[in-house]
C-alpha atoms as a PDB file:
ATOM      1  CA  MET A   1      33.501 246.342 181.993  1.00  0.00           C
ATOM      2  CA  ILE A   2      35.596 246.866 185.117  1.00  0.00           C
ATOM      3  CA  VAL A   3      34.819 249.739 187.475  1.00  0.00           C
ATOM      4  CA  PRO A   4      36.343 250.817 190.796  1.00  0.00           C
ATOM      5  CA  ALA A   5      34.597 249.349 193.847  1.00  0.00           C
ATOM      6  CA  ASP A   6      34.399 252.748 195.540  1.00  0.00           C
ATOM      7  CA  LEU A   7      32.190 254.163 192.785  1.00  0.00           C
ATOM      8  CA  GLU A   8      28.832 255.630 193.784  1.00  0.00           C
ATOM      9  CA  PHE A   9      25.760 254.135 192.106  1.00  0.00           C
ATOM     10  CA  ALA A  10      24.972 257.484 190.464  1.00  0.00           C
ATOM     11  CA  GLN A  11      28.429 257.389 188.849  1.00  0.00           C
ATOM     12  CA  LEU A  12      27.951 253.751 187.815  1.00  0.00           C
ATOM     13  CA  HIS A  13      24.691 254.720 186.136  1.00  0.00           C
ATOM     14  CA  LYS A  14      26.451 257.410 184.087  1.00  0.00           C
ATOM     15  CA  ILE A  15      29.141 254.938 183.013  1.00  0.00           C
ATOM     16  CA  LEU A  16      26.555 252.321 182.002  1.00  0.00           C
ATOM     17  CA  GLN A  17      24.749 254.933 179.916  1.00  0.00           C
ATOM     18  CA  ALA A  18      27.946 256.029 178.185  1.00  0.00           C
ATOM     19  CA  VAL A  19      29.140 252.531 177.256  1.00  0.00           C
ATOM     20  CA  SER A  20      25.646 251.491 176.139  1.00  0.00           C
ATOM     21  CA  GLY A  21      24.903 254.616 174.134  1.00  0.00           C
ATOM     22  CA  TRP A  22      21.882 255.441 176.319  1.00  0.00           C
ATOM     23  CA  ARG A  23      20.764 259.025 176.850  1.00  0.00           C
ATOM     24  CA  ASN A  24      19.056 259.067 180.271  1.00  0.00           C
ATOM     25  CA  TYR A  25      15.529 258.860 178.832  1.00  0.00           C
ATOM     26  CA  ARG A  26      14.143 256.499 181.474  1.00  0.00           C
ATOM     27  CA  LEU A  27      14.399 256.020 185.198  1.00  0.00           C
ATOM     28  CA  HIS A  28      16.428 253.120 186.475  1.00  0.00           C
ATOM     29  CA  ASP A  29      16.917 251.147 189.641  1.00  0.00           C
ATOM     30  CA  PHE A  30      19.491 248.665 190.861  1.00  0.00           C
ATOM     31  CA  ILE A  31      18.141 245.440 192.372  1.00  0.00           C
ATOM     32  CA  PHE A  32      20.203 242.958 194.388  1.00  0.00           C
ATOM     33  CA  PHE A  33      19.117 239.372 194.954  1.00  0.00           C
ATOM     34  CA  ALA A  34      20.008 236.846 197.644  1.00  0.00           C
ATOM     35  CA  GLU A  35      22.748 234.559 196.393  1.00  0.00           C
ATOM     36  CA  GLU A  36      20.879 231.335 197.069  1.00  0.00           C
ATOM     37  CA  LYS A  37      17.395 232.544 196.091  1.00  0.00           C
ATOM     38  CA  CYS A  38      15.780 234.737 193.484  1.00  0.00           C
ATOM     39  CA  VAL A  39      14.449 237.027 196.190  1.00  0.00           C
ATOM     40  CA  PRO A  40      15.260 240.747 196.035  1.00  0.00           C
ATOM     41  CA  VAL A  41      17.178 241.894 199.119  1.00  0.00           C
ATOM     42  CA  ALA A  42      17.799 245.526 198.139  1.00  0.00           C
ATOM     43  CA  ARG A  43      16.535 248.002 195.585  1.00  0.00           C
ATOM     44  CA  LEU A  44      18.192 251.359 194.950  1.00  0.00           C
ATOM     45  CA  VAL A  45      16.416 254.189 193.139  1.00  0.00           C
ATOM     46  CA  PRO A  46      17.811 257.449 191.700  1.00  0.00           C
ATOM     47  CA  VAL A  47      15.031 259.850 192.709  1.00  0.00           C
ATOM     48  CA  GLU A  48      13.415 260.532 196.068  1.00  0.00           C
ATOM     49  CA  GLU A  49       9.940 259.966 194.620  1.00  0.00           C
ATOM     50  CA  GLY A  50      10.830 256.268 194.382  1.00  0.00           C
ATOM     51  CA  LEU A  51      10.925 256.139 198.176  1.00  0.00           C
ATOM     52  CA  TYR A  52       7.177 256.775 198.388  1.00  0.00           C
ATOM     53  CA  TYR A  53       6.181 253.529 196.661  1.00  0.00           C
ATOM     54  CA  ASP A  54       8.229 251.015 198.620  1.00  0.00           C
ATOM     55  CA  GLU A  55       9.222 251.243 202.287  1.00  0.00           C
ATOM     56  CA  GLN A  56      12.328 249.121 201.782  1.00  0.00           C
ATOM     57  CA  VAL A  57      13.764 250.976 198.808  1.00  0.00           C
ATOM     58  CA  ILE A  58      17.083 252.831 199.227  1.00  0.00           C
ATOM     59  CA  PHE A  59      17.921 256.223 197.742  1.00  0.00           C
ATOM     60  CA  GLU A  60      21.102 255.641 195.723  1.00  0.00           C
ATOM     61  CA  ARG A  61      22.715 259.034 196.330  1.00  0.00           C
ATOM     62  CA  ASN A  62      26.114 258.655 198.041  1.00  0.00           C
ATOM     63  CA  ILE A  63      25.787 254.850 198.265  1.00  0.00           C
ATOM     64  CA  LEU A  64      28.973 253.072 197.211  1.00  0.00           C
ATOM     65  CA  TYR A  65      28.962 250.139 194.804  1.00  0.00           C
ATOM     66  CA  LEU A  66      31.196 248.108 197.136  1.00  0.00           C
ATOM     67  CA  SER A  67      28.713 248.364 200.018  1.00  0.00           C
ATOM     68  CA  PHE A  68      26.500 245.762 198.301  1.00  0.00           C
ATOM     69  CA  PHE A  69      29.139 243.117 197.753  1.00  0.00           C
ATOM     70  CA  ARG A  70      30.659 240.949 200.424  1.00  0.00           C
ATOM     71  CA  SER A  71      34.409 240.811 200.432  1.00  0.00           C
ATOM     72  CA  THR A  72      36.114 237.768 198.996  1.00  0.00           C
ATOM     73  CA  ASN A  73      39.733 236.743 198.840  1.00  0.00           C
ATOM     74  CA  VAL A  74      40.426 236.610 195.128  1.00  0.00           C
END
């Protein structure tokens, strides 16, 4: 699957649901890991309630997909 880099995570979630046949029955989060380690460096959640359980979590609204990937010359 190829998606535009300027997609918001909320939009990416909708696309993933559509291509997978999912129906939005469960909450989700996006977790990013350090490249050299299996240590989470960022976690994005779709609802504000998720912010209450983890101080380092990020609310995904208006966050762009490309903001979590370093640029490379491909």
